[in-house]
Amino acid sequence: MVEYPFSCVPHDRLTWVSVYDKETVCKKIAASIYRKNEIRMSRHKFNGQMINDGEFRLSQWVSHPNLFLPILHCRIEPTSSGCLVFVECSLFFSTQVLMLAGLLFLFSAALFFLFVQRDWLYAATMLIVVSLFYLTVLGNYHLQKQISLNLLQRVIA
């Protein structure tokens, strides 16, 4: 993942400690991933894939579209008494592009009303709309992130 010094795109990193060894945690996560041409079962909690040994890319399995679902990049490292699970959460790339395009459009409209039309009321309204749009994205991302992380914790436990 690319990390920029300042980014308005939500991105979180977590580290969990597990008493299970790396192989056990990998098996538990792999068993919870839904694969194509497989019958959907209640144990399938995620769509995703194993990237390398001990690395997964997961997203919560949902039956309806959800724009704010986070993608979870998991890396599992063994320790002497279990393993460490490193989790990075972010929005999907297409959602990031859509969010940034919306913010850019709304902010440019605010600048247009401020400098070209010289209408302070419309400019202020557009800045409020930009703020509400961004807060809506952040709120929904954090809500869906918490749901996905709770699900992953139940799978690992």
Protein backbone atom coordinates (compact mmCIF):
# COMPACT_ATOMS: atom_id res chain seq x y z
CA MET A 1 0.00 0.00 0.00
CA VAL A 2 1.17 3.48 -0.77
CA GLU A 3 1.17 5.85 2.16
CA TYR A 4 1.30 9.58 1.62
CA PRO A 5 2.46 12.13 4.23
CA PHE A 6 -1.00 13.71 4.25
CA SER A 7 -4.04 11.96 2.93
CA CYS A 8 -7.74 12.60 3.31
CA VAL A 9 -8.35 8.93 2.53
CA PRO A 10 -9.04 6.88 5.68
CA HIS A 11 -6.40 4.26 6.45
CA ASP A 12 -5.84 2.36 9.71
CA ARG A 13 -3.24 -0.09 11.04
CA LEU A 14 -3.77 -2.54 13.87
CA THR A 15 -1.68 -5.24 15.53
CA TRP A 16 -3.26 -8.16 17.33
CA VAL A 17 -1.59 -10.82 19.45
CA SER A 18 -2.84 -14.39 19.17
CA VAL A 19 -1.98 -17.41 21.31
CA TYR A 20 -2.46 -19.66 18.28
CA ASP A 21 0.46 -20.44 16.02
CA LYS A 22 0.73 -18.99 12.52
CA GLU A 23 -0.49 -22.13 10.75
CA THR A 24 -3.63 -22.37 12.89
CA VAL A 25 -4.54 -18.72 12.33
CA CYS A 26 -3.90 -19.07 8.58
CA LYS A 27 -6.14 -22.15 8.44
CA LYS A 28 -8.92 -20.36 10.33
CA ILE A 29 -8.80 -17.37 7.99
CA ALA A 30 -8.57 -19.55 4.88
CA ALA A 31 -11.62 -21.54 6.03
CA SER A 32 -13.64 -18.33 6.35
CA ILE A 33 -12.95 -17.14 2.78
CA TYR A 34 -15.62 -17.73 0.14
CA ARG A 35 -14.21 -18.99 -3.15
CA LYS A 36 -15.86 -19.04 -6.57
CA ASN A 37 -17.60 -22.28 -7.54
CA GLU A 38 -18.09 -23.10 -3.88
CA ILE A 39 -21.42 -23.38 -2.12
CA ARG A 40 -21.96 -20.40 0.16
CA MET A 41 -21.96 -21.56 3.78
CA SER A 42 -22.31 -19.80 7.13
CA ARG A 43 -18.58 -20.23 7.82
CA HIS A 44 -17.78 -18.02 4.84
CA LYS A 45 -17.40 -14.55 6.31
CA PHE A 46 -15.06 -12.97 3.76
CA ASN A 47 -14.31 -12.63 0.09
CA GLY A 48 -10.62 -12.59 -0.57
CA GLN A 49 -7.51 -14.53 -1.23
CA MET A 50 -4.25 -15.65 0.26
CA ILE A 51 -1.48 -13.57 -1.32
CA ASN A 52 1.62 -15.24 0.14
CA ASP A 53 2.29 -17.54 3.04
CA GLY A 54 0.67 -15.73 5.95
CA GLU A 55 -0.71 -12.79 3.94
CA PHE A 56 -4.36 -12.28 3.13
CA ARG A 57 -6.47 -9.66 1.36
CA LEU A 58 -10.03 -9.78 2.70
CA SER A 59 -13.31 -7.94 2.51
CA GLN A 60 -16.49 -8.80 4.34
CA TRP A 61 -18.90 -11.00 2.38
CA VAL A 62 -22.15 -9.10 1.84
CA SER A 63 -25.27 -9.94 -0.13
CA HIS A 64 -25.84 -6.34 -1.25
CA PRO A 65 -23.57 -3.60 -2.58
CA ASN A 66 -21.80 -1.53 0.05
CA LEU A 67 -19.55 1.27 -1.13
CA PHE A 68 -17.85 1.81 2.21
CA LEU A 69 -16.62 -1.72 2.89
CA PRO A 70 -12.95 -1.70 3.86
CA ILE A 71 -10.37 -4.00 2.42
CA LEU A 72 -8.28 -5.73 5.08
CA HIS A 73 -4.65 -6.56 4.35
CA CYS A 74 -3.57 -9.13 6.94
CA ARG A 75 -0.03 -10.32 7.58
CA ILE A 76 0.68 -13.02 10.14
CA GLU A 77 4.10 -13.30 11.79
CA PRO A 78 5.06 -16.13 14.16
CA THR A 79 6.37 -15.49 17.65
CA SER A 80 7.68 -17.83 20.35
CA SER A 81 4.30 -18.08 22.07
CA GLY A 82 1.80 -17.62 19.22
CA CYS A 83 1.70 -15.06 16.45
CA LEU A 84 1.17 -11.41 15.62
CA VAL A 85 -1.56 -10.40 13.18
CA PHE A 86 -0.93 -7.09 11.40
CA VAL A 87 -4.07 -5.64 9.82
CA GLU A 88 -4.23 -2.64 7.48
CA CYS A 89 -7.69 -1.25 6.67
CA SER A 90 -8.50 1.06 3.80
CA LEU A 91 -11.23 1.78 1.30
CA PHE A 92 -11.15 0.02 -2.04
CA PHE A 93 -9.26 1.96 -4.74
CA SER A 94 -12.43 2.63 -6.76
CA THR A 95 -14.13 4.06 -3.67
CA GLN A 96 -11.11 6.25 -2.96
CA VAL A 97 -11.21 7.62 -6.51
CA LEU A 98 -14.96 8.25 -6.28
CA MET A 99 -14.60 9.99 -2.93
CA LEU A 100 -11.72 12.19 -4.08
CA ALA A 101 -13.53 13.07 -7.33
CA GLY A 102 -16.64 14.08 -5.35
CA LEU A 103 -14.60 16.17 -2.92
CA LEU A 104 -12.71 17.84 -5.75
CA PHE A 105 -15.91 18.63 -7.66
CA LEU A 106 -17.67 20.09 -4.63
CA PHE A 107 -14.63 22.10 -3.54
CA SER A 108 -14.14 23.49 -7.06
CA ALA A 109 -17.82 24.50 -7.08
CA ALA A 110 -17.25 26.33 -3.79
CA LEU A 111 -14.24 28.15 -5.29
CA PHE A 112 -16.28 29.02 -8.38
CA PHE A 113 -19.04 30.59 -6.29
CA LEU A 114 -16.48 32.36 -4.10
CA PHE A 115 -14.21 33.89 -6.75
CA VAL A 116 -16.19 33.95 -10.02
CA GLN A 117 -19.77 34.50 -8.93
CA ARG A 118 -18.79 36.34 -5.73
CA ASP A 119 -21.71 34.79 -3.93
CA TRP A 120 -20.64 34.15 -0.35
CA LEU A 121 -23.83 32.30 0.59
CA TYR A 122 -23.50 29.67 -2.16
CA ALA A 123 -19.76 29.31 -1.47
CA ALA A 124 -20.40 28.76 2.23
CA THR A 125 -23.18 26.29 1.41
CA MET A 126 -20.84 24.35 -0.87
CA LEU A 127 -18.16 24.23 1.83
CA ILE A 128 -20.74 22.87 4.27
CA VAL A 129 -21.74 20.25 1.68
CA VAL A 130 -18.06 19.29 1.24
CA SER A 131 -17.73 18.87 5.00
CA LEU A 132 -20.91 16.81 5.29
CA PHE A 133 -19.88 14.62 2.35
CA TYR A 134 -16.47 13.91 3.89
CA LEU A 135 -17.93 13.26 7.35
CA THR A 136 -20.45 10.85 5.83
CA VAL A 137 -17.68 8.93 4.09
CA LEU A 138 -15.57 8.81 7.27
CA GLY A 139 -18.48 7.76 9.45
CA ASN A 140 -19.60 4.97 7.15
CA TYR A 141 -16.02 3.74 6.66
CA HIS A 142 -15.41 3.54 10.42
CA LEU A 143 -18.74 1.78 10.98
CA GLN A 144 -18.03 -0.84 8.31
CA LYS A 145 -14.40 -1.16 9.46
CA GLN A 146 -15.53 -1.97 12.98
CA ILE A 147 -17.98 -4.60 11.72
CA SER A 148 -15.28 -6.22 9.55
CA LEU A 149 -12.68 -6.19 12.33
CA ASN A 150 -15.11 -7.73 14.83
CA LEU A 151 -15.86 -10.44 12.30
CA LEU A 152 -12.14 -11.10 11.76
CA GLN A 153 -11.56 -11.28 15.52
CA ARG A 154 -14.31 -13.88 15.86
CA VAL A 155 -12.76 -15.93 13.05
CA ILE A 156 -9.27 -15.81 14.59
CA ALA A 157 -10.44 -16.47 18.18
